[in-house]
Amino acid sequence: MAADPAAPEVVDLLSRHFTAINANEFDAWSATVTPRRATSITRNDWLRNYATTVDSNVIAVRTRTGSDGNRLVDLSFVSNQAVTDAPPDLPVSRICWTSSWPLAVVNGQTVIDTPAKGATTKRAC
């Protein structure tokens, strides 16, 4: 991804995004995503869902243009959380994720939109 001229901006965005999750800072997180994504969950639900989450090993593999012409970032990361806070379909404390996150520009800032159905995979690790 280093050859991509947008790499520094995308790396900064991902850093702010995951730092906000790890610090349990809803406002900081919501500044890294589209308004539609930020309002798709209440502050209290978000705080409850991420109460024990610590994400690490974030690797931005590449940015690319999706079939719809929009920019995507392919990434992987590891989440650690209380089993009770894990996704219901994978109740484990450590999850390895891979995803393609769509990027959007809102008010001149690049932010993360909601991944398409099937764009994210997870497994216990």
N, C-alpha and C. Protein backbone atom coordinates (compact mmCIF):
# COMPACT_ATOMS: atom_id res chain seq x y z
N MET A 1 0.81 -1.18 0.00
CA MET A 1 0.00 0.00 0.00
C MET A 1 0.86 1.26 0.00
N ALA A 2 2.13 1.13 0.34
CA ALA A 2 3.00 2.30 0.45
C ALA A 2 3.10 3.08 -0.86
N ALA A 3 2.94 2.43 -2.00
CA ALA A 3 3.05 3.13 -3.28
C ALA A 3 1.81 3.96 -3.59
N ASP A 4 0.73 3.75 -2.88
CA ASP A 4 -0.51 4.48 -3.10
C ASP A 4 -0.36 5.89 -2.55
N PRO A 5 -0.60 6.93 -3.36
CA PRO A 5 -0.46 8.30 -2.86
C PRO A 5 -1.45 8.63 -1.73
N ALA A 6 -2.53 7.88 -1.64
CA ALA A 6 -3.52 8.11 -0.57
C ALA A 6 -3.16 7.36 0.72
N ALA A 7 -2.08 6.59 0.69
CA ALA A 7 -1.74 5.75 1.84
C ALA A 7 -1.63 6.53 3.15
N PRO A 8 -0.93 7.65 3.20
CA PRO A 8 -0.83 8.35 4.49
C PRO A 8 -2.20 8.77 5.05
N GLU A 9 -3.08 9.24 4.19
CA GLU A 9 -4.41 9.65 4.62
C GLU A 9 -5.22 8.46 5.14
N VAL A 10 -5.15 7.34 4.44
CA VAL A 10 -5.90 6.15 4.84
C VAL A 10 -5.33 5.57 6.12
N VAL A 11 -4.03 5.52 6.25
CA VAL A 11 -3.40 5.01 7.48
C VAL A 11 -3.79 5.89 8.67
N ASP A 12 -3.78 7.20 8.48
CA ASP A 12 -4.19 8.12 9.55
C ASP A 12 -5.65 7.88 9.92
N LEU A 13 -6.52 7.73 8.95
CA LEU A 13 -7.93 7.46 9.20
C LEU A 13 -8.11 6.18 10.00
N LEU A 14 -7.45 5.11 9.58
CA LEU A 14 -7.57 3.84 10.30
C LEU A 14 -7.01 3.95 11.72
N SER A 15 -5.92 4.67 11.87
CA SER A 15 -5.34 4.86 13.20
C SER A 15 -6.33 5.58 14.12
N ARG A 16 -6.93 6.65 13.63
CA ARG A 16 -7.91 7.38 14.45
C ARG A 16 -9.13 6.52 14.74
N HIS A 17 -9.57 5.73 13.78
CA HIS A 17 -10.74 4.87 13.93
C HIS A 17 -10.52 3.83 15.03
N PHE A 18 -9.40 3.10 14.93
CA PHE A 18 -9.15 2.04 15.91
C PHE A 18 -8.75 2.61 17.28
N THR A 19 -8.07 3.74 17.30
CA THR A 19 -7.77 4.39 18.58
C THR A 19 -9.06 4.77 19.29
N ALA A 20 -10.03 5.27 18.56
CA ALA A 20 -11.32 5.64 19.15
C ALA A 20 -12.03 4.42 19.73
N ILE A 21 -11.99 3.32 19.01
CA ILE A 21 -12.62 2.09 19.53
C ILE A 21 -11.92 1.64 20.80
N ASN A 22 -10.60 1.60 20.76
CA ASN A 22 -9.85 1.12 21.92
C ASN A 22 -10.01 2.03 23.13
N ALA A 23 -10.23 3.32 22.90
CA ALA A 23 -10.42 4.27 24.00
C ALA A 23 -11.89 4.40 24.39
N ASN A 24 -12.75 3.68 23.67
CA ASN A 24 -14.20 3.72 23.92
C ASN A 24 -14.73 5.14 23.80
N GLU A 25 -14.29 5.84 22.73
CA GLU A 25 -14.66 7.23 22.48
C GLU A 25 -15.61 7.31 21.28
N PHE A 26 -16.89 7.34 21.55
CA PHE A 26 -17.89 7.35 20.49
C PHE A 26 -17.73 8.55 19.57
N ASP A 27 -17.55 9.74 20.13
CA ASP A 27 -17.45 10.94 19.29
C ASP A 27 -16.25 10.87 18.35
N ALA A 28 -15.12 10.41 18.85
CA ALA A 28 -13.94 10.27 18.00
C ALA A 28 -14.18 9.22 16.92
N TRP A 29 -14.84 8.11 17.28
CA TRP A 29 -15.17 7.09 16.29
C TRP A 29 -16.10 7.64 15.23
N SER A 30 -17.15 8.34 15.67
CA SER A 30 -18.16 8.83 14.71
C SER A 30 -17.55 9.84 13.74
N ALA A 31 -16.44 10.49 14.11
CA ALA A 31 -15.76 11.41 13.20
C ALA A 31 -15.00 10.67 12.10
N THR A 32 -14.84 9.36 12.23
CA THR A 32 -14.10 8.58 11.23
C THR A 32 -15.01 7.83 10.28
N VAL A 33 -16.32 7.92 10.48
CA VAL A 33 -17.26 7.19 9.64
C VAL A 33 -18.28 8.16 9.03
N THR A 34 -19.01 7.67 8.04
CA THR A 34 -20.02 8.52 7.40
C THR A 34 -21.12 8.85 8.41
N PRO A 35 -21.78 9.97 8.22
CA PRO A 35 -22.90 10.31 9.11
C PRO A 35 -23.95 9.20 9.17
N ARG A 36 -24.23 8.58 8.04
CA ARG A 36 -25.22 7.49 8.01
C ARG A 36 -24.77 6.34 8.91
N ARG A 37 -23.50 6.00 8.86
CA ARG A 37 -23.00 4.92 9.71
C ARG A 37 -23.01 5.33 11.18
N ALA A 38 -22.62 6.56 11.45
CA ALA A 38 -22.57 7.04 12.84
C ALA A 38 -23.96 7.07 13.47
N THR A 39 -24.98 7.37 12.68
CA THR A 39 -26.33 7.44 13.24
C THR A 39 -27.08 6.12 13.16
N SER A 40 -26.42 5.10 12.63
CA SER A 40 -27.07 3.78 12.54
C SER A 40 -27.05 3.04 13.88
N ILE A 41 -26.34 3.60 14.86
CA ILE A 41 -26.25 3.00 16.19
C ILE A 41 -26.29 4.13 17.21
N THR A 42 -26.97 3.91 18.30
CA THR A 42 -27.00 4.94 19.34
C THR A 42 -25.68 4.95 20.09
N ARG A 43 -25.38 6.08 20.69
CA ARG A 43 -24.17 6.19 21.50
C ARG A 43 -24.15 5.11 22.57
N ASN A 44 -25.25 4.91 23.28
CA ASN A 44 -25.29 3.92 24.36
C ASN A 44 -25.07 2.51 23.85
N ASP A 45 -25.69 2.17 22.71
CA ASP A 45 -25.47 0.83 22.14
C ASP A 45 -24.02 0.66 21.70
N TRP A 46 -23.45 1.70 21.08
CA TRP A 46 -22.06 1.61 20.65
C TRP A 46 -21.15 1.41 21.86
N LEU A 47 -21.36 2.21 22.90
CA LEU A 47 -20.53 2.09 24.10
C LEU A 47 -20.66 0.71 24.72
N ARG A 48 -21.85 0.17 24.72
CA ARG A 48 -22.08 -1.18 25.27
C ARG A 48 -21.41 -2.22 24.37
N ASN A 49 -21.57 -2.09 23.06
CA ASN A 49 -21.00 -3.08 22.12
C ASN A 49 -19.48 -3.12 22.16
N TYR A 50 -18.85 -1.97 22.38
CA TYR A 50 -17.38 -1.89 22.34
C TYR A 50 -16.76 -1.74 23.72
N ALA A 51 -17.51 -1.98 24.76
CA ALA A 51 -17.04 -1.74 26.14
C ALA A 51 -15.74 -2.47 26.46
N THR A 52 -15.56 -3.67 25.96
CA THR A 52 -14.36 -4.45 26.30
C THR A 52 -13.46 -4.70 25.09
N THR A 53 -13.77 -4.08 23.97
CA THR A 53 -13.02 -4.33 22.73
C THR A 53 -11.68 -3.62 22.72
N VAL A 54 -10.66 -4.37 22.36
CA VAL A 54 -9.34 -3.82 22.07
C VAL A 54 -8.91 -4.40 20.73
N ASP A 55 -8.76 -3.53 19.75
CA ASP A 55 -8.34 -3.96 18.41
C ASP A 55 -6.84 -3.75 18.27
N SER A 56 -6.20 -4.67 17.53
CA SER A 56 -4.75 -4.58 17.32
C SER A 56 -4.39 -5.23 15.99
N ASN A 57 -3.11 -5.21 15.70
CA ASN A 57 -2.58 -5.86 14.49
C ASN A 57 -3.30 -5.41 13.23
N VAL A 58 -3.60 -4.11 13.16
CA VAL A 58 -4.29 -3.57 11.99
C VAL A 58 -3.31 -3.50 10.83
N ILE A 59 -3.71 -4.12 9.72
CA ILE A 59 -2.88 -4.10 8.52
C ILE A 59 -3.75 -3.61 7.36
N ALA A 60 -3.39 -2.46 6.82
CA ALA A 60 -4.05 -1.96 5.61
C ALA A 60 -3.29 -2.58 4.44
N VAL A 61 -3.94 -3.49 3.76
CA VAL A 61 -3.28 -4.24 2.69
C VAL A 61 -3.14 -3.38 1.43
N ARG A 62 -4.24 -2.74 1.04
CA ARG A 62 -4.21 -1.91 -0.17
C ARG A 62 -5.49 -1.09 -0.25
N THR A 63 -5.42 -0.05 -1.07
CA THR A 63 -6.64 0.63 -1.48
C THR A 63 -6.86 0.28 -2.93
N ARG A 64 -8.11 0.29 -3.32
CA ARG A 64 -8.43 -0.06 -4.70
C ARG A 64 -9.77 0.56 -5.07
N THR A 65 -10.09 0.48 -6.32
CA THR A 65 -11.37 0.95 -6.80
C THR A 65 -12.30 -0.25 -6.93
N GLY A 66 -13.45 -0.17 -6.29
CA GLY A 66 -14.42 -1.26 -6.35
C GLY A 66 -15.16 -1.27 -7.68
N SER A 67 -15.97 -2.27 -7.90
CA SER A 67 -16.72 -2.41 -9.15
C SER A 67 -17.70 -1.26 -9.36
N ASP A 68 -18.09 -0.59 -8.27
CA ASP A 68 -19.00 0.55 -8.39
C ASP A 68 -18.26 1.86 -8.58
N GLY A 69 -16.93 1.81 -8.66
CA GLY A 69 -16.14 3.00 -8.87
C GLY A 69 -15.70 3.69 -7.59
N ASN A 70 -16.16 3.23 -6.45
CA ASN A 70 -15.78 3.83 -5.17
C ASN A 70 -14.48 3.24 -4.65
N ARG A 71 -13.77 4.01 -3.83
CA ARG A 71 -12.53 3.55 -3.22
C ARG A 71 -12.81 2.61 -2.06
N LEU A 72 -11.99 1.58 -1.94
CA LEU A 72 -12.06 0.61 -0.85
C LEU A 72 -10.69 0.49 -0.21
N VAL A 73 -10.68 0.14 1.08
CA VAL A 73 -9.43 -0.24 1.72
C VAL A 73 -9.60 -1.68 2.19
N ASP A 74 -8.70 -2.53 1.76
CA ASP A 74 -8.69 -3.92 2.22
C ASP A 74 -7.80 -3.97 3.45
N LEU A 75 -8.31 -4.55 4.54
CA LEU A 75 -7.56 -4.57 5.78
C LEU A 75 -7.84 -5.83 6.57
N SER A 76 -6.99 -6.03 7.56
CA SER A 76 -7.21 -7.10 8.53
C SER A 76 -6.87 -6.54 9.90
N PHE A 77 -7.47 -7.13 10.92
CA PHE A 77 -7.18 -6.73 12.30
C PHE A 77 -7.65 -7.82 13.24
N VAL A 78 -7.21 -7.71 14.48
CA VAL A 78 -7.59 -8.66 15.52
C VAL A 78 -8.36 -7.90 16.58
N SER A 79 -9.47 -8.47 17.02
CA SER A 79 -10.19 -7.87 18.15
C SER A 79 -10.16 -8.84 19.33
N ASN A 80 -9.95 -8.26 20.49
CA ASN A 80 -10.04 -9.00 21.74
C ASN A 80 -11.16 -8.35 22.53
N GLN A 81 -12.03 -9.17 23.10
CA GLN A 81 -13.16 -8.67 23.85
C GLN A 81 -13.67 -9.76 24.77
N ALA A 82 -14.47 -9.35 25.73
CA ALA A 82 -15.14 -10.35 26.57
C ALA A 82 -16.02 -11.20 25.68
N VAL A 83 -16.09 -12.47 25.96
CA VAL A 83 -16.91 -13.37 25.16
C VAL A 83 -18.35 -12.86 25.08
N THR A 84 -18.84 -12.29 26.15
CA THR A 84 -20.21 -11.76 26.15
C THR A 84 -20.38 -10.57 25.21
N ASP A 85 -19.28 -9.92 24.82
CA ASP A 85 -19.35 -8.79 23.89
C ASP A 85 -18.99 -9.19 22.47
N ALA A 86 -18.65 -10.43 22.24
CA ALA A 86 -18.31 -10.91 20.90
C ALA A 86 -19.58 -11.03 20.07
N PRO A 87 -19.43 -11.09 18.75
CA PRO A 87 -20.62 -11.29 17.91
C PRO A 87 -21.33 -12.59 18.32
N PRO A 88 -22.65 -12.58 18.32
CA PRO A 88 -23.40 -13.77 18.74
C PRO A 88 -23.05 -15.04 17.96
N ASP A 89 -22.67 -14.86 16.68
CA ASP A 89 -22.35 -16.03 15.86
C ASP A 89 -20.91 -16.50 16.02
N LEU A 90 -20.11 -15.79 16.84
CA LEU A 90 -18.72 -16.20 17.09
C LEU A 90 -18.34 -15.76 18.51
N PRO A 91 -18.89 -16.45 19.51
CA PRO A 91 -18.67 -16.05 20.91
C PRO A 91 -17.30 -16.49 21.44
N VAL A 92 -16.26 -15.77 21.00
CA VAL A 92 -14.90 -16.05 21.44
C VAL A 92 -14.25 -14.73 21.84
N SER A 93 -13.17 -14.82 22.58
CA SER A 93 -12.52 -13.60 23.06
C SER A 93 -11.53 -12.98 22.07
N ARG A 94 -11.12 -13.74 21.06
CA ARG A 94 -10.14 -13.21 20.08
C ARG A 94 -10.63 -13.56 18.68
N ILE A 95 -10.78 -12.54 17.86
CA ILE A 95 -11.31 -12.72 16.50
C ILE A 95 -10.37 -12.06 15.50
N CYS A 96 -10.06 -12.78 14.43
CA CYS A 96 -9.30 -12.23 13.31
C CYS A 96 -10.30 -11.84 12.22
N TRP A 97 -10.22 -10.59 11.81
CA TRP A 97 -11.13 -10.03 10.82
C TRP A 97 -10.39 -9.68 9.54
N THR A 98 -11.03 -9.85 8.41
CA THR A 98 -10.58 -9.28 7.15
C THR A 98 -11.78 -8.61 6.52
N SER A 99 -11.54 -7.48 5.88
CA SER A 99 -12.67 -6.74 5.32
C SER A 99 -12.21 -5.82 4.21
N SER A 100 -13.16 -5.40 3.42
CA SER A 100 -12.99 -4.33 2.44
C SER A 100 -13.94 -3.23 2.86
N TRP A 101 -13.37 -2.14 3.33
CA TRP A 101 -14.19 -1.02 3.81
C TRP A 101 -14.28 0.04 2.73
N PRO A 102 -15.49 0.45 2.40
CA PRO A 102 -15.64 1.54 1.44
C PRO A 102 -15.27 2.87 2.09
N LEU A 103 -14.63 3.71 1.31
CA LEU A 103 -14.25 5.04 1.77
C LEU A 103 -15.11 6.06 1.05
N ALA A 104 -15.45 7.12 1.74
CA ALA A 104 -16.25 8.19 1.16
C ALA A 104 -15.62 9.52 1.57
N VAL A 105 -15.93 10.54 0.82
CA VAL A 105 -15.47 11.88 1.17
C VAL A 105 -16.69 12.67 1.62
N VAL A 106 -16.64 13.16 2.85
CA VAL A 106 -17.72 13.94 3.43
C VAL A 106 -17.12 15.25 3.93
N ASN A 107 -17.62 16.35 3.42
CA ASN A 107 -17.10 17.67 3.79
C ASN A 107 -15.59 17.75 3.64
N GLY A 108 -15.09 17.16 2.56
CA GLY A 108 -13.66 17.21 2.26
C GLY A 108 -12.79 16.24 3.03
N GLN A 109 -13.41 15.41 3.90
CA GLN A 109 -12.67 14.45 4.71
C GLN A 109 -12.97 13.02 4.27
N THR A 110 -11.95 12.20 4.17
CA THR A 110 -12.16 10.78 3.86
C THR A 110 -12.61 10.08 5.13
N VAL A 111 -13.70 9.33 5.02
CA VAL A 111 -14.27 8.58 6.15
C VAL A 111 -14.63 7.18 5.68
N ILE A 112 -14.98 6.34 6.64
CA ILE A 112 -15.31 4.93 6.38
C ILE A 112 -16.82 4.79 6.29
N ASP A 113 -17.27 4.15 5.23
CA ASP A 113 -18.70 3.87 5.08
C ASP A 113 -18.97 2.44 5.55
N THR A 114 -20.19 2.02 5.50
CA THR A 114 -20.58 0.68 5.95
C THR A 114 -20.15 -0.36 4.91
N PRO A 115 -19.43 -1.39 5.33
CA PRO A 115 -19.02 -2.43 4.38
C PRO A 115 -20.23 -3.14 3.77
N ALA A 116 -20.08 -3.54 2.55
CA ALA A 116 -21.13 -4.28 1.86
C ALA A 116 -21.31 -5.64 2.51
N LYS A 117 -22.50 -6.18 2.37
CA LYS A 117 -22.77 -7.53 2.88
C LYS A 117 -21.79 -8.50 2.21
N GLY A 118 -21.15 -9.32 3.01
CA GLY A 118 -20.20 -10.30 2.50
C GLY A 118 -18.78 -9.78 2.35
N ALA A 119 -18.56 -8.49 2.67
CA ALA A 119 -17.22 -7.90 2.51
C ALA A 119 -16.33 -8.14 3.71
N THR A 120 -16.89 -8.71 4.78
CA THR A 120 -16.14 -8.94 6.01
C THR A 120 -16.21 -10.41 6.41
N THR A 121 -15.07 -10.95 6.78
CA THR A 121 -15.04 -12.31 7.31
C THR A 121 -14.39 -12.28 8.69
N LYS A 122 -14.75 -13.24 9.49
CA LYS A 122 -14.17 -13.34 10.83
C LYS A 122 -13.98 -14.80 11.19
N ARG A 123 -12.96 -15.01 12.04
CA ARG A 123 -12.69 -16.36 12.52
C ARG A 123 -12.03 -16.27 13.88
N ALA A 124 -12.20 -17.28 14.68
CA ALA A 124 -11.50 -17.34 15.96
C ALA A 124 -10.02 -17.50 15.68
N CYS A 125 -9.20 -16.85 16.49
CA CYS A 125 -7.75 -16.98 16.28
C CYS A 125 -7.01 -16.84 17.60
